[in-house]
Protein backbone atom coordinates (compact mmCIF):
# COMPACT_ATOMS: atom_id res chain seq x y z
CA MET A 1 44.58 174.89 11.97
CA LYS A 2 45.14 173.30 15.44
CA ILE A 3 45.92 169.65 15.05
CA THR A 4 43.77 168.07 17.55
CA GLY A 5 44.29 164.79 19.61
CA TYR A 6 41.59 163.20 17.36
CA MET A 7 43.66 164.40 14.05
CA LEU A 8 46.96 163.16 15.67
CA ARG A 9 45.15 159.39 16.66
CA GLN A 10 44.06 158.82 12.89
CA LEU A 11 48.03 159.42 11.63
CA ALA A 12 49.01 157.26 14.63
CA ALA A 13 46.60 154.33 13.73
CA SER A 14 47.80 151.69 12.01
CA GLY A 15 46.91 147.73 11.12
CA PRO A 16 47.00 145.57 14.14
CA SER A 17 48.43 142.44 11.99
CA LEU A 18 51.02 144.36 9.45
CA ALA A 19 51.94 145.50 13.05
CA ILE A 20 52.33 141.62 14.95
CA MET A 21 53.50 140.35 11.43
CA ALA A 22 56.28 143.15 11.45
CA VAL A 23 57.28 142.18 15.09
CA VAL A 24 57.51 138.49 14.04
CA ALA A 25 59.67 139.13 11.75
CA ALA A 26 62.12 141.32 13.55
CA MET A 27 62.25 138.72 16.55
CA ALA A 28 63.21 135.94 13.50
CA PRO A 29 66.99 136.04 14.25
CA LEU A 30 66.44 136.53 18.30
CA VAL A 31 64.21 133.41 18.83
CA VAL A 32 64.64 129.25 18.16
CA LEU A 33 61.05 127.99 17.84
CA ALA A 34 60.45 124.46 19.85
CA GLY A 35 59.64 121.46 18.31
CA PRO A 36 55.62 120.50 17.65
CA ASP A 37 55.56 118.38 21.39
CA ASP A 38 56.08 121.96 22.97
CA PRO A 39 53.88 124.71 21.10
CA GLY A 40 55.03 128.41 21.77
CA GLY A 41 57.72 127.19 24.23
CA ARG A 42 60.24 129.25 22.33
CA GLU A 43 63.62 130.49 24.01
CA VAL A 44 65.20 133.52 24.03
CA ARG A 45 68.91 132.71 23.31
CA ASP A 46 70.94 135.70 24.53
CA LEU A 47 74.47 135.62 23.44
CA ARG A 48 75.28 137.53 26.36
CA ASP A 49 74.93 134.32 28.13
CA THR A 50 78.67 132.61 28.54
CA PRO A 51 79.67 129.01 29.47
CA ASP A 52 80.57 129.98 32.77
CA GLY A 53 77.22 131.61 33.65
CA ALA A 54 78.96 135.67 33.67
CA MET A 55 76.74 138.14 32.15
CA GLU A 56 77.83 141.41 31.01
CA THR A 57 75.80 143.94 33.39
CA TRP A 58 72.07 143.85 33.31
CA ALA A 59 72.76 147.87 32.38
CA ALA A 60 73.65 146.77 28.86
CA VAL A 61 70.21 145.51 28.22
CA SER A 62 69.29 148.71 26.27
CA ARG A 63 71.82 148.18 23.70
CA PRO A 64 70.58 145.37 21.80
CA GLN A 65 68.04 145.52 18.38
CA SER A 66 64.63 145.47 20.02
CA PRO A 67 62.67 142.99 18.50
CA TYR A 68 59.79 145.74 18.13
CA ARG A 69 61.41 148.28 16.20
CA ALA A 70 59.48 147.69 13.19
CA LEU A 71 56.18 149.28 14.59
CA PRO A 72 55.16 152.98 14.15
CA TYR A 73 56.47 155.06 17.11
CA GLY A 74 58.85 157.69 17.83
CA MET A 75 58.43 159.49 14.92
CA ASP A 76 56.51 162.04 15.88
CA ASP A 77 57.14 164.65 18.53
CA ARG A 78 53.75 165.66 18.81
CA ILE A 79 52.38 162.30 19.88
CA VAL A 80 53.53 160.83 23.33
CA ASP A 81 54.49 157.26 23.26
CA LEU A 82 54.09 154.85 26.35
CA GLY A 83 55.24 151.24 26.64
CA THR A 84 52.96 149.45 28.44
CA GLN A 85 52.84 145.50 29.58
CA PRO A 86 49.28 143.69 29.32
CA LEU A 87 51.02 140.39 30.54
CA TRP A 88 51.60 141.86 34.23
CA LEU A 89 48.98 143.03 36.81
CA PRO A 90 47.79 145.22 38.08
CA PRO A 91 49.86 147.68 35.94
CA GLY A 92 48.53 146.32 32.36
CA VAL A 93 45.18 147.16 33.67
CA MET A 94 45.93 150.52 34.98
CA MET A 95 48.06 151.44 31.95
CA GLU A 96 44.59 150.44 29.79
CA ALA A 97 42.40 152.78 32.21
CA LEU A 98 44.65 155.37 30.73
CA ARG A 99 44.50 154.24 27.20
CA HIS A 100 40.97 154.54 27.29
CA ASP A 101 40.31 158.19 29.66
CA ARG A 102 39.25 160.70 27.99
CA VAL A 103 40.00 162.85 30.49
CA LEU A 104 43.18 162.52 29.72
CA ASP A 105 42.57 162.95 25.90
CA ARG A 106 40.87 166.36 26.70
CA GLU A 107 43.72 167.82 28.53
CA LEU A 108 47.05 166.86 26.23
CA ASP A 109 44.17 167.94 23.23
CA ARG A 110 44.51 171.49 24.85
CA LEU A 111 48.30 171.04 24.54
CA GLY A 112 47.99 169.96 20.95
CA VAL A 113 49.70 166.29 22.13
CA ALA A 114 48.24 163.04 21.62
CA ILE A 115 49.16 159.97 23.58
CA ARG A 116 49.72 156.29 22.19
CA PHE A 117 50.15 153.58 24.08
CA HIS A 118 52.50 150.44 22.83
CA SER A 119 52.26 146.90 24.27
CA PHE A 120 55.16 144.77 25.33
CA LEU A 121 56.17 141.66 27.12
CA LYS A 122 58.30 142.68 29.04
CA GLY A 123 60.19 145.76 30.92
CA ALA A 124 63.64 145.09 28.93
CA ASP A 125 61.58 145.43 25.90
CA ILE A 126 60.91 148.75 27.16
CA ASN A 127 63.78 150.14 27.61
CA ASN A 128 65.29 148.73 24.33
CA ALA A 129 62.57 151.33 23.32
CA LEU A 130 63.18 154.18 25.65
CA HIS A 131 66.88 153.80 25.00
CA GLU A 132 66.35 154.31 21.16
CA ASP A 133 64.32 157.58 21.37
CA ARG A 134 61.20 155.63 20.37
CA LEU A 135 59.03 155.96 23.73
CA GLU A 136 58.95 158.51 26.15
CA GLY A 137 57.88 156.38 29.06
CA GLY A 138 57.11 153.13 30.24
CA VAL A 139 56.32 150.77 32.99
CA GLY A 140 59.02 148.42 34.49
CA GLY A 141 59.61 146.15 37.11
CA ASP A 142 62.47 146.81 40.13
CA MET A 143 65.19 145.87 37.94
CA PRO A 144 63.80 146.97 34.41
CA THR A 145 63.68 150.03 36.44
CA VAL A 146 67.35 150.06 37.68
CA THR A 147 68.75 149.07 34.50
CA ALA A 148 67.47 151.66 32.81
CA CYS A 149 68.36 154.20 35.43
CA VAL A 150 71.99 153.27 34.74
CA ALA A 151 71.80 152.93 31.21
CA ASP A 152 69.40 156.41 30.22
CA GLN A 153 68.98 158.32 33.51
CA VAL A 154 65.25 158.06 33.24
CA GLN A 155 62.95 159.64 35.77
CA VAL A 156 61.09 157.53 37.77
CA VAL A 157 57.88 159.42 38.80
CA SER A 158 55.03 156.83 40.57
CA LEU A 159 54.74 153.37 41.87
CA VAL A 160 52.46 150.46 40.01
CA ASP A 161 53.08 147.94 41.37
CA LEU A 162 54.17 146.17 45.06
CA GLN A 163 53.56 142.62 45.42
CA PHE A 164 55.71 139.07 44.63
CA THR A 165 57.52 137.67 41.95
CA GLY A 166 56.75 133.77 42.18
CA VAL A 167 58.91 130.62 41.39
CA VAL A 168 56.77 127.45 40.37
CA ALA A 169 57.81 124.00 39.83
CA ARG A 170 55.53 121.57 38.59
CA THR A 171 55.57 119.73 41.91
CA ARG A 172 55.98 121.16 45.50
CA ARG A 173 59.80 120.94 46.47
CA GLY A 174 62.08 123.72 47.83
CA ILE A 175 64.31 125.62 45.70
CA GLY A 176 67.11 123.42 46.89
CA ASP A 177 65.45 120.69 44.72
CA LEU A 178 65.85 122.40 41.57
CA ARG A 179 69.61 121.56 41.31
CA GLY A 180 70.68 120.34 38.00
CA GLY A 181 67.43 121.29 36.51
CA ARG A 182 66.67 123.94 34.13
CA ILE A 183 64.54 126.79 35.26
CA GLY A 184 62.64 129.65 32.88
CA VAL A 185 62.67 133.07 33.55
CA SER A 186 62.26 136.57 31.41
CA PHE A 187 66.06 137.87 30.89
CA GLY A 188 66.61 141.49 33.28
CA SER A 189 63.30 141.54 35.00
CA GLY A 190 62.40 141.57 38.27
CA ALA A 191 61.55 137.92 37.96
CA HIS A 192 65.02 137.48 37.00
CA TYR A 193 66.23 138.84 40.09
CA GLY A 194 63.94 137.67 42.05
CA LEU A 195 65.04 133.84 40.67
CA LEU A 196 69.02 134.58 41.51
CA GLN A 197 67.94 135.67 45.17
CA ALA A 198 65.96 132.48 45.67
CA LEU A 199 68.87 130.53 44.34
CA ALA A 200 71.50 132.80 46.64
CA ALA A 201 69.05 132.54 50.16
CA ALA A 202 69.17 128.78 49.45
CA GLY A 203 73.02 128.04 48.95
CA VAL A 204 72.45 127.31 45.13
CA GLY A 205 75.00 128.65 42.87
CA PRO A 206 75.01 130.06 39.63
CA SER A 207 76.33 126.90 38.04
CA GLU A 208 74.02 124.57 39.68
CA VAL A 209 71.36 125.08 37.52
CA GLU A 210 70.52 125.94 34.04
CA ILE A 211 68.76 128.99 33.49
CA VAL A 212 67.15 129.80 30.11
CA PHE A 213 65.81 133.09 29.00
CA GLN A 214 61.82 132.76 27.44
CA ASP A 215 59.67 135.49 26.93
CA ILE A 216 56.78 135.38 30.01
CA ASP A 217 54.17 133.83 27.65
CA THR A 218 56.13 130.85 26.95
CA LEU A 219 56.67 129.87 31.06
CA ARG A 220 53.27 127.99 31.03
CA PRO A 221 54.11 125.67 28.14
CA ALA A 222 57.34 124.90 28.54
CA LEU A 223 56.87 123.97 32.10
CA ALA A 224 53.72 121.55 30.96
CA SER A 225 56.07 120.06 28.21
CA GLY A 226 59.23 119.48 30.93
CA ARG A 227 61.27 121.45 28.89
CA ILE A 228 61.86 123.60 32.46
CA ALA A 229 61.43 121.93 35.97
CA ALA A 230 60.46 125.41 36.76
CA PHE A 231 60.00 129.30 35.78
CA SER A 232 60.21 132.41 37.42
CA ALA A 233 57.47 135.31 36.51
CA TRP A 234 55.27 138.31 38.05
CA GLU A 235 51.57 138.18 38.36
CA PRO A 236 49.49 136.68 36.70
CA LEU A 237 51.52 133.74 35.80
CA PRO A 238 52.03 132.53 39.01
CA SER A 239 48.58 132.54 40.01
CA ILE A 240 47.18 131.36 36.59
CA ALA A 241 49.64 128.15 36.86
CA ALA A 242 48.70 127.34 40.59
CA ARG A 243 44.88 127.94 39.91
CA ARG A 244 45.17 125.70 36.26
CA GLY A 245 46.84 122.95 38.35
CA GLU A 246 50.06 123.20 36.12
CA GLY A 247 52.25 123.79 39.04
CA GLN A 248 52.94 125.23 42.57
CA VAL A 249 54.63 128.17 43.57
CA ILE A 250 57.19 127.28 45.85
CA HIS A 251 58.79 130.62 46.14
CA LYS A 252 58.31 134.28 46.43
CA VAL A 253 60.34 137.53 46.30
CA MET A 254 58.98 140.96 47.07
CA SER A 255 58.43 142.76 44.08
CA SER A 256 58.16 146.43 42.58
CA GLY A 257 57.19 147.90 39.79
CA TYR A 258 57.27 151.91 38.73
CA LEU A 259 56.90 154.44 35.88
CA TYR A 260 59.42 156.15 34.19
CA PHE A 261 60.55 158.64 31.42
CA ARG A 262 62.99 159.56 29.36
CA LYS A 263 64.75 162.52 31.24
CA ALA A 264 65.06 164.54 28.02
CA PHE A 265 61.25 164.34 27.76
CA TYR A 266 60.87 164.74 31.46
CA ASP A 267 62.66 167.67 31.81
CA GLN A 268 61.01 169.43 28.53
CA HIS A 269 57.54 168.04 29.16
CA THR A 270 56.45 168.05 32.76
CA ASP A 271 53.44 169.39 32.34
CA VAL A 272 52.52 166.18 30.14
CA VAL A 273 53.97 164.05 33.03
CA ARG A 274 51.29 165.34 35.44
CA LEU A 275 48.66 164.71 33.49
CA ILE A 276 49.47 161.35 32.84
CA LEU A 277 49.95 160.78 36.69
CA ALA A 278 47.08 162.82 37.05
CA ALA A 279 45.04 160.03 34.69
CA GLU A 280 47.32 157.20 36.76
CA VAL A 281 45.62 158.69 40.12
CA ARG A 282 42.16 158.67 38.78
CA ALA A 283 42.25 154.91 37.05
CA ILE A 284 43.32 153.55 40.89
CA GLY A 285 40.18 155.55 42.61
CA TRP A 286 37.96 154.51 39.70
CA LEU A 287 39.19 150.74 39.64
CA GLY A 288 38.09 150.67 43.50
CA LEU A 289 34.74 152.50 43.20
CA ASP A 290 32.72 148.91 42.33
CA ASP A 291 33.45 145.69 40.48
CA GLY A 292 32.08 146.62 37.28
CA ASN A 293 34.49 148.83 36.35
CA MET A 294 37.25 146.61 37.81
CA LEU A 295 35.88 144.51 35.26
CA ARG A 296 35.39 146.14 32.55
CA ALA A 297 39.39 147.05 32.75
CA ALA A 298 39.68 143.40 32.85
CA ALA A 299 37.95 142.94 29.76
CA TRP A 300 40.53 145.72 28.23
CA VAL A 301 43.84 144.24 29.46
CA HIS A 302 42.41 140.80 28.15
CA GLN A 303 41.86 142.43 24.39
CA ALA A 304 44.98 143.90 24.72
CA ALA A 305 46.98 140.97 25.44
CA GLY A 306 45.18 139.03 23.16
CA ALA A 307 46.48 141.43 20.50
CA LEU A 308 50.16 141.79 21.64
CA ASN A 309 50.53 137.56 21.49
CA GLY A 310 47.30 136.17 19.96
CA ARG A 311 46.82 134.13 22.89
CA SER A 312 43.85 134.46 25.27
CA TYR A 313 44.51 135.75 28.51
CA ASP A 314 43.29 132.09 30.67
CA LEU A 315 41.61 133.93 33.04
CA SER A 316 38.25 135.03 33.48
CA LEU A 317 37.32 138.36 33.68
CA GLU A 318 36.58 137.78 37.61
CA GLU A 319 39.74 136.04 38.35
CA THR A 320 41.49 139.37 36.64
CA ALA A 321 39.60 141.55 38.36
CA ASP A 322 40.60 139.62 42.02
CA LEU A 323 44.32 139.27 41.12
CA VAL A 324 44.11 143.01 40.61
CA ARG A 325 42.30 143.78 43.45
CA ALA A 326 45.00 142.56 45.48
CA GLY A 327 47.89 144.08 44.12
CA LEU A 328 46.28 147.62 44.02
CA ARG A 329 45.59 147.37 47.65
CA PRO A 330 49.31 147.68 48.95
CA LEU A 331 49.94 150.82 46.64
CA ASP A 332 49.47 154.32 48.64
CA GLY A 333 47.34 155.90 45.52
CA ALA A 334 50.81 155.01 43.50
CA LEU A 335 52.74 157.69 45.35
CA LEU A 336 56.87 156.94 44.88
CA PRO A 337 58.45 155.48 48.16
CA VAL A 338 61.49 158.13 48.93
CA ARG A 339 63.41 155.32 50.64
CA ASP A 340 63.15 152.73 47.47
CA ALA A 341 66.26 153.71 45.95
CA GLU A 342 68.46 154.51 49.25
CA VAL A 343 71.21 151.92 50.27
CA ASP A 344 68.69 149.73 52.60
CA GLY A 345 65.57 150.52 50.19
CA ARG A 346 64.02 148.05 47.67
CA LEU A 347 65.88 149.11 44.81
CA GLY A 348 69.00 150.10 46.68
CA ARG A 349 69.11 146.26 48.37
CA ALA A 350 68.81 144.83 44.55
CA ALA A 351 71.60 147.22 43.30
CA THR A 352 74.28 145.92 46.29
CA PHE A 353 73.18 142.20 45.79
CA LEU A 354 73.25 142.48 41.62
CA GLY A 355 76.23 144.44 41.88
CA ALA A 356 78.01 142.07 44.12
CA LEU A 357 77.03 139.04 41.17
CA GLY A 358 78.60 141.53 38.35
CA LYS A 359 74.87 142.05 36.90
CA LEU A 360 75.18 145.96 37.69
CA PRO A 361 78.17 148.57 37.63
CA ALA A 362 79.92 148.06 41.28
CA ASP A 363 80.09 152.00 41.57
CA LEU A 364 75.92 152.42 41.55
CA THR A 365 75.66 154.44 44.18
CA PRO A 366 72.52 155.31 46.28
CA SER A 367 73.05 158.96 45.19
CA ARG A 368 73.42 158.06 41.62
CA LEU A 369 70.05 155.91 41.86
CA GLY A 370 68.02 158.64 43.67
CA SER A 371 68.91 160.95 41.28
CA CYS A 372 66.38 158.95 38.81
CA PHE A 373 63.56 159.48 41.94
CA GLN A 374 61.39 162.16 41.03
CA PRO A 375 58.56 161.79 43.95
CA ALA A 376 57.26 165.40 44.56
CA ILE A 377 55.76 165.69 41.09
CA LEU A 378 53.20 163.41 41.78
CA ALA A 379 52.69 164.79 45.35
CA GLU A 380 52.05 168.22 43.80
CA VAL A 381 49.72 166.44 41.20
CA MET A 382 47.55 165.05 44.51
CA ALA A 383 47.88 167.99 46.20
CA ASP A 384 45.47 170.03 43.65
CA PRO A 385 42.65 167.83 42.69
CA ALA A 386 40.53 170.54 41.10
CA ALA A 387 43.53 171.55 38.69
CA TYR A 388 44.18 168.10 37.72
CA ARG A 389 40.64 166.81 37.15
CA LEU A 390 41.42 163.86 39.54
CA ASP A 391 37.35 163.39 40.77
CA GLN A 392 36.66 163.99 36.72
CA VAL A 393 36.31 160.25 35.49
CA SER A 394 34.80 159.21 32.05
CA TYR A 395 36.32 156.63 29.61
CA TRP A 396 36.07 155.43 26.44
CA GLU A 397 33.91 152.11 26.32
CA SER A 398 36.45 150.03 23.83
CA TRP A 399 39.28 150.17 21.58
CA ALA A 400 37.20 151.05 18.84
CA GLU A 401 36.31 154.34 20.14
CA VAL A 402 39.83 154.79 21.20
CA ASP A 403 41.00 154.57 17.86
CA ARG A 404 37.97 156.64 16.42
């Protein structure tokens, strides 16, 4: 009997309330809950943050026990598990389009494979699961991509984001005015790198501020309560804070994001990777066709975010669609910029900067970084639109249909 994608999805289904309870239980040792004056303002205490501010290399971010360990993934070779980040725009919307893609489901079904998506708060958490062989792939910002390359030689296949991370403060001020203050950021993220870069550009030393590591969904409450003077984050958080009058974006740093896979999976299943890339190309084209598609996908990402952390997205569907539309504009059909990994490319410069700070291995050469980049595979998919059904779009309307 052939095992179909439908049957695999039935086997993969799990109760969301049970999954959320498992995550909360697993995270307990890592989280310090704030008092009642700061609802939701939990701080992640990372033991690698030493008193003098020095930190082990960011490549070690894949080593700690994952707070998502209890979730049901990585247990069936016939199921491709992908990590997504619904609190990141536009990649969160793009991945939700993949989750709802009927064409992708059918094409994978022919290979006897199904796909399953798992929501995470940040790329470093996705890297944990990749390192533990619980995910086949996922999306991450520039720094999670570099650290996953160093730690596990992931294979980077497409560009999913090219915009800015932002430093948000309660009042308009310069980065230098944050001396002596507490700044919240998600550890090991692109926003963490952006913050370090912003501080260096302003001549602010690491010992002159207190960097507080927090999950992305706790930064706004912490800023509103005064527990931190500023935070650094990726979109849509800076835009939400600015639109709601909670703070001002005082500094921006160019940031990029990527889709990548474990090397062993990439080497053995390039046919599956190509189908996933085809779905990404379809998603970008479909989202840009009309506002209705964008609003439909915005509703999907709102639902995914709510399932992840139990909170509303705090953006209307129209506001979400506007931010996604702006975020998709710089992407060249998701094609991977070949120069990104070179010494003077985006990731090459970032690796050099962080290596000098001791956050990455000093021997991280451009050739070592470049070995993780596979720009040809997406170009091959785009060169054969008929074979990869790039013009055939059909999406499940709801999660109920996806998990039917």
